[in-house]
Amino acid sequence: MRNVISIRVQNVPGVLSHVAGLLAARGYNVDSLTVGATEDPTISRMTIVLDVAKDMADQVCSQLQKLVTVVETKNLSYVPRVERELALICVATPKGTRSEVVELTNIFRAGIVDVGIDSVMIEISGSGDKLDAFIKALRPYRILSMTRSGCIASERPQDPAVEVEDKK
């Protein structure tokens, strides 16, 4: 089962190495791992996606919590959350296909961020399923290169009075 684990860590050198080492030593295969700054410059957030059973994911959380540089761990798989990924995709656009690729980009609410003579660079963000569908739709046009960020996730606020429509 896919588990999304959020870890708040001290923003110091070596933290990523410690976390990755713990996961590797226990034989866990990481599907996705992203790290970035938070609102506090002394804290970073890691989002790790593991394909393991819930009890194993909970065990990973408790093992990670024992690391000195780990401030907090949480398995977000069982709470309301928002997940996003980002991709940059370079697509071949030989004569006569550019307008089709642009139309497809607009349908998926993506954006063209760079244009070459025979290619375009597209930026898209959204759920993993949305990115997968977009990539599948682009395959006939020949993808020249692609980079995906991996999952970032955050627990939804507890205030049910405010609901924002997800436009992506």
Protein backbone atom coordinates (compact mmCIF):
# COMPACT_ATOMS: atom_id res chain seq x y z
CA MET A 1 0.00 0.00 0.00
CA ARG A 2 1.16 3.54 -0.78
CA ASN A 3 2.08 5.48 2.36
CA VAL A 4 2.91 9.19 2.43
CA ILE A 5 5.12 10.05 5.39
CA SER A 6 5.83 13.64 6.40
CA ILE A 7 8.95 14.30 8.46
CA ARG A 8 9.96 17.62 9.98
CA VAL A 9 13.72 17.66 10.50
CA GLN A 10 16.38 20.06 11.69
CA ASN A 11 17.84 21.97 8.76
CA VAL A 12 21.43 20.80 9.26
CA PRO A 13 23.92 18.94 7.04
CA GLY A 14 23.66 15.15 7.00
CA VAL A 15 19.96 14.78 7.85
CA LEU A 16 19.02 13.41 4.42
CA SER A 17 21.89 10.94 4.65
CA HIS A 18 20.72 9.73 8.08
CA VAL A 19 17.13 9.27 6.95
CA ALA A 20 18.09 7.55 3.68
CA GLY A 21 20.56 5.34 5.54
CA LEU A 22 17.92 4.23 8.03
CA LEU A 23 15.51 3.34 5.23
CA ALA A 24 18.17 1.52 3.19
CA ALA A 25 19.50 -0.41 6.20
CA ARG A 26 16.02 -1.80 6.82
CA GLY A 27 15.45 -2.67 3.17
CA TYR A 28 12.70 -0.15 2.39
CA ASN A 29 12.41 0.95 -1.23
CA VAL A 30 11.55 4.64 -1.52
CA ASP A 31 9.10 5.51 -4.32
CA SER A 32 9.59 9.24 -3.83
CA LEU A 33 11.53 11.52 -1.49
CA THR A 34 11.37 15.31 -1.54
CA VAL A 35 12.93 17.81 0.84
CA GLY A 36 12.28 21.51 1.17
CA ALA A 37 12.24 24.49 3.48
CA THR A 38 9.36 25.31 5.80
CA GLU A 39 8.13 28.56 7.30
CA ASP A 40 10.87 28.11 9.94
CA PRO A 41 14.39 28.41 8.43
CA THR A 42 15.77 25.96 11.03
CA ILE A 43 13.31 23.20 9.96
CA SER A 44 12.94 21.32 6.65
CA ARG A 45 10.15 18.97 5.62
CA MET A 46 10.72 15.62 3.95
CA THR A 47 7.92 13.81 2.19
CA ILE A 48 8.62 10.13 1.65
CA VAL A 49 6.39 7.76 -0.31
CA LEU A 50 6.80 4.07 0.52
CA ASP A 51 4.91 1.10 -0.88
CA VAL A 52 4.55 -0.88 2.36
CA ALA A 53 1.78 -2.10 4.67
CA LYS A 54 0.38 0.36 7.25
CA ASP A 55 2.09 -1.38 10.18
CA MET A 56 5.45 -1.18 8.40
CA ALA A 57 4.90 2.52 7.64
CA ASP A 58 4.07 3.14 11.30
CA GLN A 59 7.26 1.28 12.25
CA VAL A 60 9.26 3.50 9.85
CA CYS A 61 7.76 6.58 11.53
CA SER A 62 8.74 5.39 15.00
CA GLN A 63 12.26 4.44 13.83
CA LEU A 64 12.72 7.83 12.16
CA GLN A 65 11.46 9.61 15.28
CA LYS A 66 14.44 8.16 17.18
CA LEU A 67 16.92 10.08 15.01
CA VAL A 68 18.24 13.12 16.87
CA THR A 69 17.67 15.47 13.93
CA VAL A 70 14.03 14.41 13.42
CA VAL A 71 11.53 16.79 15.01
CA GLU A 72 8.26 15.06 14.04
CA THR A 73 7.00 12.23 11.83
CA LYS A 74 3.48 11.66 10.61
CA ASN A 75 1.91 9.12 8.27
CA LEU A 76 -0.41 11.30 6.17
CA SER A 77 -1.95 8.33 4.38
CA TYR A 78 -4.88 8.15 6.79
CA VAL A 79 -5.68 11.83 7.26
CA PRO A 80 -7.17 14.40 4.88
CA ARG A 81 -4.27 15.85 2.90
CA VAL A 82 -3.27 17.74 -0.21
CA GLU A 83 -0.70 16.10 -2.50
CA ARG A 84 1.05 17.62 -5.49
CA GLU A 85 3.80 16.78 -7.93
CA LEU A 86 5.58 18.92 -10.49
CA ALA A 87 6.94 17.86 -13.86
CA LEU A 88 8.97 19.54 -16.58
CA ILE A 89 8.46 17.79 -19.91
CA CYS A 90 10.24 18.57 -23.16
CA VAL A 91 8.15 17.44 -26.14
CA ALA A 92 9.12 17.28 -29.80
CA THR A 93 6.95 19.54 -31.95
CA PRO A 94 7.89 19.02 -35.58
CA LYS A 95 5.99 20.93 -38.25
CA GLY A 96 2.22 20.68 -37.81
CA THR A 97 2.11 19.27 -34.27
CA ARG A 98 2.85 22.29 -32.08
CA SER A 99 -0.77 23.51 -31.99
CA GLU A 100 -1.94 20.03 -30.92
CA VAL A 101 0.59 19.96 -28.07
CA VAL A 102 -0.39 23.50 -27.02
CA GLU A 103 -4.08 22.50 -27.01
CA LEU A 104 -3.34 19.41 -24.91
CA THR A 105 -1.29 21.57 -22.53
CA ASN A 106 -4.24 23.94 -22.12
CA ILE A 107 -6.70 21.10 -21.51
CA PHE A 108 -4.55 19.84 -18.61
CA ARG A 109 -4.04 23.39 -17.27
CA ALA A 110 -0.31 23.10 -17.75
CA GLY A 111 1.93 25.83 -19.11
CA ILE A 112 4.60 26.19 -21.75
CA VAL A 113 7.71 27.59 -20.07
CA ASP A 114 10.21 27.42 -22.96
CA VAL A 115 10.01 27.16 -26.73
CA GLY A 116 12.59 25.77 -29.14
CA ILE A 117 12.57 25.44 -32.91
CA ASP A 118 11.21 21.89 -32.85
CA SER A 119 10.23 21.43 -29.19
CA VAL A 120 8.43 22.95 -26.21
CA MET A 121 9.07 22.65 -22.48
CA ILE A 122 5.90 22.15 -20.45
CA GLU A 123 5.40 22.64 -16.73
CA ILE A 124 2.55 20.81 -15.02
CA SER A 125 1.59 20.37 -11.39
CA GLY A 126 -1.15 18.40 -9.74
CA SER A 127 -1.89 14.95 -8.44
CA GLY A 128 0.24 12.03 -9.55
CA ASP A 129 -2.74 10.67 -11.49
CA LYS A 130 -3.10 13.94 -13.41
CA LEU A 131 0.59 13.92 -14.33
CA ASP A 132 0.40 10.27 -15.39
CA ALA A 133 -2.60 11.02 -17.64
CA PHE A 134 -0.85 14.03 -19.20
CA ILE A 135 2.32 12.06 -19.87
CA LYS A 136 0.27 9.27 -21.47
CA ALA A 137 -1.47 11.84 -23.70
CA LEU A 138 1.90 13.31 -24.75
CA ARG A 139 3.56 9.98 -25.64
CA PRO A 140 2.46 10.05 -29.32
CA TYR A 141 4.29 13.38 -29.75
CA ARG A 142 7.65 11.99 -28.52
CA ILE A 143 8.81 13.10 -25.10
CA LEU A 144 12.45 14.20 -25.37
CA SER A 145 13.09 14.56 -21.63
CA MET A 146 11.12 14.59 -18.43
CA THR A 147 11.78 15.42 -14.78
CA ARG A 148 9.27 14.80 -11.98
CA SER A 149 9.59 16.21 -8.50
CA GLY A 150 8.02 13.43 -6.50
CA CYS A 151 5.20 13.90 -4.06
CA ILE A 152 4.88 16.77 -1.64
CA ALA A 153 2.01 16.59 0.82
CA SER A 154 0.50 18.53 3.68
CA GLU A 155 -2.29 17.72 6.07
CA ARG A 156 -5.48 19.64 5.39
CA PRO A 157 -6.45 22.30 7.95
CA GLN A 158 -8.89 21.15 10.60
CA ASP A 159 -11.32 24.00 9.82
CA PRO A 160 -14.15 22.36 7.81
CA ALA A 161 -15.94 25.70 7.38
CA VAL A 162 -13.63 26.74 4.56
CA GLU A 163 -13.52 24.59 1.46
CA VAL A 164 -11.53 25.62 -1.58
CA GLU A 165 -12.30 24.11 -4.97
CA ASP A 166 -9.35 22.10 -6.29
CA LYS A 167 -8.82 23.48 -9.80
CA LYS A 168 -5.97 21.13 -10.65
